Amino acid sequence: MKLTEPVSGGPCWVELSTPDIPAAKTFYAALFGWRSETDPREEAGGYTMAHVGDARVAALSPVYQPGQHPAWTVSFATEDADAAVEKVTAAGGSQLVGPMDVFDAGRFAVVADPSGAVFSLWQGRAFAGTDLLNEPGSLGWVELVAREADPALAFYPAVFGWTVTASKTYPQWGVDGADFGGLLANDEMLPPEAPPNWLPYFAVADADATAATAQSAGGEMIMPPTTLPGGRQIAVVRDPQGAVFGIYRAGEEG
């Protein structure tokens, strides 16, 4: 990711919805060294911030509906959440939750693109988003896994004004040319019942060692550590509750 801090239109936060926050705390502490603190306020609903050192890097949240599948959700920064929702629906997407205020931290909404890929919009106030990007244990890349490329390539630039680095196999998303993510359009990677989704990748110092830790802590390797053209090393993991995320070796371009 060429972004070093949250900017309008770029990824600014990532949040895990899980039925077992204590188990998630244990797993991700073993994996990334996260220190997690649960908001004690009753109205916060058990919302838990994960830290690398003192830097806030992610959140763990209870599932709020029976049968909700554990999943990571990527948030993108916006200067006006209400206006961004209007752009989403005008471009063929759907509004799922909000917009609503979160104390004095900011205003958010949950939306989906026309294919069903869910993401969040965050209008920061007291809290702009993650304190750290691209460092071990923090968010370093986001990837849209979709069945077709063309609908996504039309939708997201219309909503966010993203730049696109053209590629037949892996277009990359950017803010003013600073790439932060990619588009993997491969129908074979999505089971018929699975909707397209946004996959966060966390930076790690050693992909092989982190993958081994994930397995020993109860996770499952969906894709074992793989070296891509150019030397990049990535892996895809399912945590013990079923949420999927990626890892990549820090210090390498996405």
Protein backbone atom coordinates (compact mmCIF):
# COMPACT_ATOMS: atom_id res chain seq x y z
CA MET A 1 0.00 0.00 0.00
CA LYS A 2 1.40 3.38 -1.00
CA LEU A 3 -0.76 5.19 1.55
CA THR A 4 0.84 5.82 4.93
CA GLU A 5 -2.20 7.22 6.75
CA PRO A 6 -5.97 7.34 6.26
CA VAL A 7 -7.02 9.68 3.44
CA SER A 8 -10.41 10.39 1.92
CA GLY A 9 -11.33 7.54 -0.40
CA GLY A 10 -8.72 5.16 0.98
CA PRO A 11 -9.02 2.27 3.44
CA CYS A 12 -8.99 3.64 6.97
CA TRP A 13 -10.12 0.83 9.27
CA VAL A 14 -10.84 -2.88 9.43
CA GLU A 15 -13.24 -4.62 11.79
CA LEU A 16 -13.92 -8.25 12.65
CA SER A 17 -17.44 -9.40 13.45
CA THR A 18 -17.12 -12.56 15.54
CA PRO A 19 -19.31 -14.63 17.88
CA ASP A 20 -16.43 -15.14 20.33
CA ILE A 21 -14.39 -12.02 21.12
CA PRO A 22 -12.29 -13.65 23.89
CA ALA A 23 -11.22 -16.41 21.47
CA ALA A 24 -10.51 -13.83 18.76
CA LYS A 25 -8.38 -11.82 21.19
CA THR A 26 -6.30 -14.92 21.94
CA PHE A 27 -5.88 -15.92 18.29
CA TYR A 28 -4.88 -12.51 16.95
CA ALA A 29 -2.61 -11.82 19.93
CA ALA A 30 -0.71 -14.99 19.05
CA LEU A 31 -0.69 -14.10 15.35
CA PHE A 32 0.05 -10.36 15.32
CA GLY A 33 0.92 -9.53 18.92
CA TRP A 34 -2.24 -7.46 19.26
CA ARG A 35 -3.17 -5.97 22.61
CA SER A 36 -6.96 -5.69 22.73
CA GLU A 37 -9.08 -3.45 24.96
CA THR A 38 -12.87 -3.72 25.20
CA ASP A 39 -14.85 -0.49 25.58
CA PRO A 40 -16.46 -0.76 29.05
CA ARG A 41 -19.47 1.39 28.16
CA GLU A 42 -22.65 -0.68 27.92
CA GLU A 43 -23.78 1.26 24.86
CA ALA A 44 -20.53 0.26 23.07
CA GLY A 45 -21.82 -3.31 22.89
CA GLY A 46 -18.49 -5.00 23.58
CA TYR A 47 -16.59 -3.14 20.84
CA THR A 48 -12.90 -3.99 21.24
CA MET A 49 -9.90 -2.08 19.89
CA ALA A 50 -6.76 -3.98 18.88
CA HIS A 51 -3.38 -2.28 19.20
CA VAL A 52 0.17 -2.76 17.99
CA GLY A 53 2.03 -1.07 20.80
CA ASP A 54 -0.04 2.06 21.37
CA ALA A 55 -1.27 2.25 17.76
CA ARG A 56 -4.91 1.36 17.10
CA VAL A 57 -4.99 -0.99 14.10
CA ALA A 58 -8.30 -2.91 14.05
CA ALA A 59 -11.47 -3.70 15.96
CA LEU A 60 -13.23 -6.84 17.15
CA SER A 61 -17.00 -6.62 17.39
CA PRO A 62 -19.76 -9.05 18.41
CA VAL A 63 -22.07 -10.34 15.69
CA TYR A 64 -25.35 -8.48 15.96
CA GLN A 65 -27.72 -10.86 14.17
CA PRO A 66 -28.38 -14.59 14.69
CA GLY A 67 -26.67 -16.61 12.01
CA GLN A 68 -24.36 -13.77 10.96
CA HIS A 69 -21.17 -15.24 9.53
CA PRO A 70 -17.88 -14.13 11.10
CA ALA A 71 -16.15 -11.76 8.69
CA TRP A 72 -13.72 -8.89 8.33
CA THR A 73 -15.15 -5.62 6.99
CA VAL A 74 -13.02 -2.93 5.34
CA SER A 75 -13.91 0.73 5.92
CA PHE A 76 -13.13 3.52 3.47
CA ALA A 77 -12.74 7.13 4.59
CA THR A 78 -15.14 9.78 3.37
CA GLU A 79 -15.63 13.44 4.21
CA ASP A 80 -19.43 13.02 4.16
CA ALA A 81 -20.96 9.61 4.93
CA ASP A 82 -24.47 10.66 3.91
CA ALA A 83 -23.34 11.96 0.53
CA ALA A 84 -21.23 8.83 0.01
CA VAL A 85 -24.26 6.60 0.62
CA GLU A 86 -26.14 8.57 -2.02
CA LYS A 87 -23.30 7.94 -4.47
CA VAL A 88 -23.36 4.23 -3.64
CA THR A 89 -27.07 3.88 -4.33
CA ALA A 90 -26.92 6.08 -7.45
CA ALA A 91 -24.20 3.79 -8.83
CA GLY A 92 -26.32 0.67 -8.25
CA GLY A 93 -25.17 -0.34 -4.77
CA SER A 94 -27.29 -0.77 -1.65
CA GLN A 95 -27.51 0.79 1.80
CA LEU A 96 -27.46 -1.76 4.64
CA VAL A 97 -26.92 0.20 7.88
CA GLY A 98 -26.93 3.90 8.75
CA PRO A 99 -25.58 6.46 8.30
CA MET A 100 -25.34 6.93 12.07
CA ASP A 101 -23.09 8.64 14.60
CA VAL A 102 -20.71 6.67 16.83
CA PHE A 103 -20.36 8.82 19.96
CA ASP A 104 -17.97 11.65 19.01
CA ALA A 105 -15.70 9.32 17.02
CA GLY A 106 -17.38 9.75 13.66
CA ARG A 107 -20.26 8.76 11.41
CA PHE A 108 -20.53 5.49 9.54
CA ALA A 109 -22.65 3.46 7.16
CA VAL A 110 -22.52 -0.11 5.87
CA VAL A 111 -23.18 -0.56 2.16
CA ALA A 112 -22.73 -3.10 -0.62
CA ASP A 113 -21.67 -2.77 -4.23
CA PRO A 114 -24.00 -4.02 -7.01
CA SER A 115 -22.54 -7.53 -6.77
CA GLY A 116 -23.10 -7.77 -3.00
CA ALA A 117 -19.58 -7.07 -1.70
CA VAL A 118 -20.03 -5.35 1.68
CA PHE A 119 -17.89 -2.48 2.94
CA SER A 120 -18.21 0.44 5.35
CA LEU A 121 -17.98 4.20 4.97
CA TRP A 122 -16.31 6.16 7.77
CA GLN A 123 -16.52 9.92 8.29
CA GLY A 124 -13.93 10.50 10.99
CA ARG A 125 -14.28 13.11 13.68
CA ALA A 126 -12.41 12.40 16.92
CA PHE A 127 -11.20 9.13 15.35
CA ALA A 128 -9.85 9.28 11.80
CA GLY A 129 -9.03 5.57 11.56
CA THR A 130 -6.03 3.33 11.95
CA ASP A 131 -2.90 4.78 13.52
CA LEU A 132 -0.65 2.47 11.49
CA LEU A 133 -0.46 1.13 7.94
CA ASN A 134 1.98 -1.24 6.22
CA GLU A 135 3.82 -2.21 9.41
CA PRO A 136 3.75 -5.74 10.88
CA GLY A 137 0.39 -6.38 12.52
CA SER A 138 -1.41 -3.58 10.67
CA LEU A 139 -3.44 -3.29 7.49
CA GLY A 140 -1.32 -3.21 4.35
CA TRP A 141 -3.55 -4.06 1.39
CA VAL A 142 -7.21 -4.63 0.52
CA GLU A 143 -8.50 -6.84 -2.27
CA LEU A 144 -11.92 -7.08 -3.87
CA VAL A 145 -12.61 -10.71 -4.81
CA ALA A 146 -15.33 -10.60 -7.47
CA ARG A 147 -16.80 -12.71 -10.25
CA GLU A 148 -16.49 -10.02 -12.92
CA ALA A 149 -14.18 -7.04 -13.27
CA ASP A 150 -16.20 -4.59 -15.37
CA PRO A 151 -19.03 -3.83 -12.87
CA ALA A 152 -16.52 -3.10 -10.09
CA LEU A 153 -14.34 -0.99 -12.38
CA ALA A 154 -17.40 1.16 -13.12
CA PHE A 155 -18.82 1.32 -9.57
CA TYR A 156 -15.89 2.21 -7.32
CA PRO A 157 -14.39 5.07 -9.36
CA ALA A 158 -17.92 6.52 -9.59
CA VAL A 159 -18.33 6.41 -5.80
CA PHE A 160 -14.81 7.29 -4.63
CA GLY A 161 -13.04 8.71 -7.66
CA TRP A 162 -10.41 5.98 -7.43
CA THR A 163 -7.65 5.74 -9.99
CA VAL A 164 -7.13 2.33 -11.57
CA THR A 165 -3.81 0.84 -12.63
CA ALA A 166 -4.88 -1.13 -15.67
CA SER A 167 -4.13 -4.85 -15.86
CA LYS A 168 -5.88 -7.77 -17.54
CA THR A 169 -5.18 -10.00 -14.56
CA TYR A 170 -5.03 -7.70 -11.51
CA PRO A 171 -6.15 -4.06 -11.72
CA GLN A 172 -5.08 -1.99 -8.73
CA TRP A 173 -7.10 0.66 -6.89
CA GLY A 174 -5.56 3.99 -5.92
CA VAL A 175 -6.19 7.45 -4.52
CA ASP A 176 -4.60 9.94 -6.92
CA GLY A 177 -2.37 7.15 -8.21
CA ALA A 178 -1.28 5.90 -4.76
CA ASP A 179 -2.31 2.25 -4.95
CA PHE A 180 -3.79 0.61 -1.86
CA GLY A 181 -5.56 -2.48 -3.18
CA GLY A 182 -6.48 -4.70 -6.06
CA LEU A 183 -9.28 -6.45 -7.92
CA LEU A 184 -9.18 -10.22 -8.28
CA ALA A 185 -11.95 -11.18 -10.71
CA ASN A 186 -12.06 -14.97 -10.71
CA ASP A 187 -15.36 -16.82 -10.61
CA GLU A 188 -13.59 -20.08 -9.73
CA MET A 189 -12.41 -18.65 -6.40
CA LEU A 190 -15.96 -17.98 -5.20
CA PRO A 191 -18.31 -20.87 -4.39
CA PRO A 192 -21.77 -20.43 -5.95
CA GLU A 193 -23.26 -19.46 -2.59
CA ALA A 194 -20.51 -16.97 -1.70
CA PRO A 195 -20.92 -13.27 -2.55
CA PRO A 196 -17.98 -11.16 -3.72
CA ASN A 197 -16.10 -9.71 -0.76
CA TRP A 198 -13.38 -7.34 0.39
CA LEU A 199 -10.37 -9.19 1.79
CA PRO A 200 -7.97 -7.32 4.11
CA TYR A 201 -4.28 -8.23 4.08
CA PHE A 202 -2.19 -7.63 7.21
CA ALA A 203 1.53 -6.99 6.99
CA VAL A 204 3.83 -9.46 8.75
CA ALA A 205 7.58 -9.76 9.11
CA ASP A 206 7.64 -13.42 8.04
CA ALA A 207 4.76 -14.99 6.11
CA ASP A 208 5.91 -18.58 6.66
CA ALA A 209 6.28 -18.13 10.41
CA THR A 210 2.93 -16.32 10.70
CA ALA A 211 1.17 -19.04 8.70
CA ALA A 212 2.64 -21.69 11.00
CA THR A 213 1.46 -19.71 14.04
CA ALA A 214 -2.02 -19.39 12.55
CA GLN A 215 -2.29 -23.15 12.14
CA SER A 216 -0.96 -23.93 15.61
CA ALA A 217 -3.46 -21.44 17.08
CA GLY A 218 -6.41 -23.16 15.38
CA GLY A 219 -6.60 -21.31 12.06
CA GLU A 220 -6.84 -22.91 8.63
CA MET A 221 -4.72 -22.15 5.59
CA ILE A 222 -6.91 -21.41 2.56
CA MET A 223 -3.83 -20.52 0.55
CA PRO A 224 -0.42 -21.42 2.03
CA PRO A 225 2.43 -18.93 1.77
CA THR A 226 2.95 -18.34 -1.94
CA THR A 227 5.63 -16.33 -3.69
CA LEU A 228 4.19 -14.25 -6.52
CA PRO A 229 6.00 -12.83 -9.55
CA GLY A 230 8.31 -10.11 -8.31
CA GLY A 231 9.01 -11.91 -5.05
CA ARG A 232 5.93 -10.90 -3.06
CA GLN A 233 4.87 -13.52 -0.52
CA ILE A 234 1.25 -13.82 0.58
CA ALA A 235 -1.09 -16.30 2.27
CA VAL A 236 -4.82 -16.48 3.04
CA VAL A 237 -6.06 -17.70 6.42
CA ARG A 238 -9.41 -18.62 8.00
CA ASP A 239 -9.48 -17.91 11.73
CA PRO A 240 -10.96 -20.43 14.22
CA GLN A 241 -14.40 -18.76 14.06
CA GLY A 242 -14.44 -18.72 10.24
CA ALA A 243 -13.39 -15.18 9.24
CA VAL A 244 -11.01 -14.99 6.27
CA PHE A 245 -8.09 -12.57 5.84
CA GLY A 246 -4.75 -12.36 4.09
CA ILE A 247 -1.17 -11.81 5.20
CA TYR A 248 1.79 -10.52 3.23
CA ARG A 249 5.45 -9.97 3.96
CA ALA A 250 5.93 -6.35 5.00
CA GLY A 251 8.24 -4.06 3.09
CA GLU A 252 7.11 -5.22 -0.36
CA GLU A 253 4.98 -3.32 -2.83
CA GLY A 254 1.39 -4.55 -3.34
